[in-house]
Amino acid sequence: MAPPRLLHEEMEDFLTYKENEARLRAVVRER
């Protein structure tokens, strides 16, 4: 099993990715 810290960092990256994806969709919607 991966260390908790590594898992936490992966979750942070995942949330950041989802946040960026949402922003990109919002920008596309505004056009």
C-alpha atoms as a PDB file:
ATOM      1  CA  MET A   1       0.000   0.000   0.000  1.00  0.00           C
ATOM      2  CA  ALA A   2       1.270   3.499  -0.822  1.00  0.00           C
ATOM      3  CA  PRO A   3       2.247   5.869   1.988  1.00  0.00           C
ATOM      4  CA  PRO A   4      -0.615   8.167   3.117  1.00  0.00           C
ATOM      5  CA  ARG A   5       1.386  11.253   2.126  1.00  0.00           C
ATOM      6  CA  LEU A   6       1.791  10.037  -1.447  1.00  0.00           C
ATOM      7  CA  LEU A   7      -1.925   9.244  -1.631  1.00  0.00           C
ATOM      8  CA  HIS A   8      -2.724  12.718  -0.310  1.00  0.00           C
ATOM      9  CA  GLU A   9      -0.502  14.326  -2.947  1.00  0.00           C
ATOM     10  CA  GLU A  10      -2.214  12.291  -5.659  1.00  0.00           C
ATOM     11  CA  MET A  11      -5.602  13.436  -4.394  1.00  0.00           C
ATOM     12  CA  GLU A  12      -4.408  17.054  -4.444  1.00  0.00           C
ATOM     13  CA  ASP A  13      -3.276  16.623  -8.055  1.00  0.00           C
ATOM     14  CA  PHE A  14      -6.607  15.003  -8.943  1.00  0.00           C
ATOM     15  CA  LEU A  15      -8.629  17.805  -7.348  1.00  0.00           C
ATOM     16  CA  THR A  16      -6.458  20.414  -9.053  1.00  0.00           C
ATOM     17  CA  TYR A  17      -7.017  18.635 -12.381  1.00  0.00           C
ATOM     18  CA  LYS A  18     -10.771  18.600 -11.867  1.00  0.00           C
ATOM     19  CA  GLU A  19     -10.709  22.271 -10.874  1.00  0.00           C
ATOM     20  CA  ASN A  20      -8.768  23.193 -14.013  1.00  0.00           C
ATOM     21  CA  GLU A  21     -11.131  21.091 -16.131  1.00  0.00           C
ATOM     22  CA  ALA A  22     -14.126  22.935 -14.668  1.00  0.00           C
ATOM     23  CA  ARG A  23     -12.472  26.289 -15.380  1.00  0.00           C
ATOM     24  CA  LEU A  24     -11.748  25.305 -18.974  1.00  0.00           C
ATOM     25  CA  ARG A  25     -15.371  24.265 -19.482  1.00  0.00           C
ATOM     26  CA  ALA A  26     -16.538  27.575 -18.012  1.00  0.00           C
ATOM     27  CA  VAL A  27     -14.276  29.496 -20.398  1.00  0.00           C
ATOM     28  CA  VAL A  28     -15.573  27.511 -23.362  1.00  0.00           C
ATOM     29  CA  ARG A  29     -19.150  28.187 -22.232  1.00  0.00           C
ATOM     30  CA  GLU A  30     -18.530  31.957 -22.145  1.00  0.00           C
ATOM     31  CA  ARG A  31     -17.502  31.989 -25.797  1.00  0.00           C
END
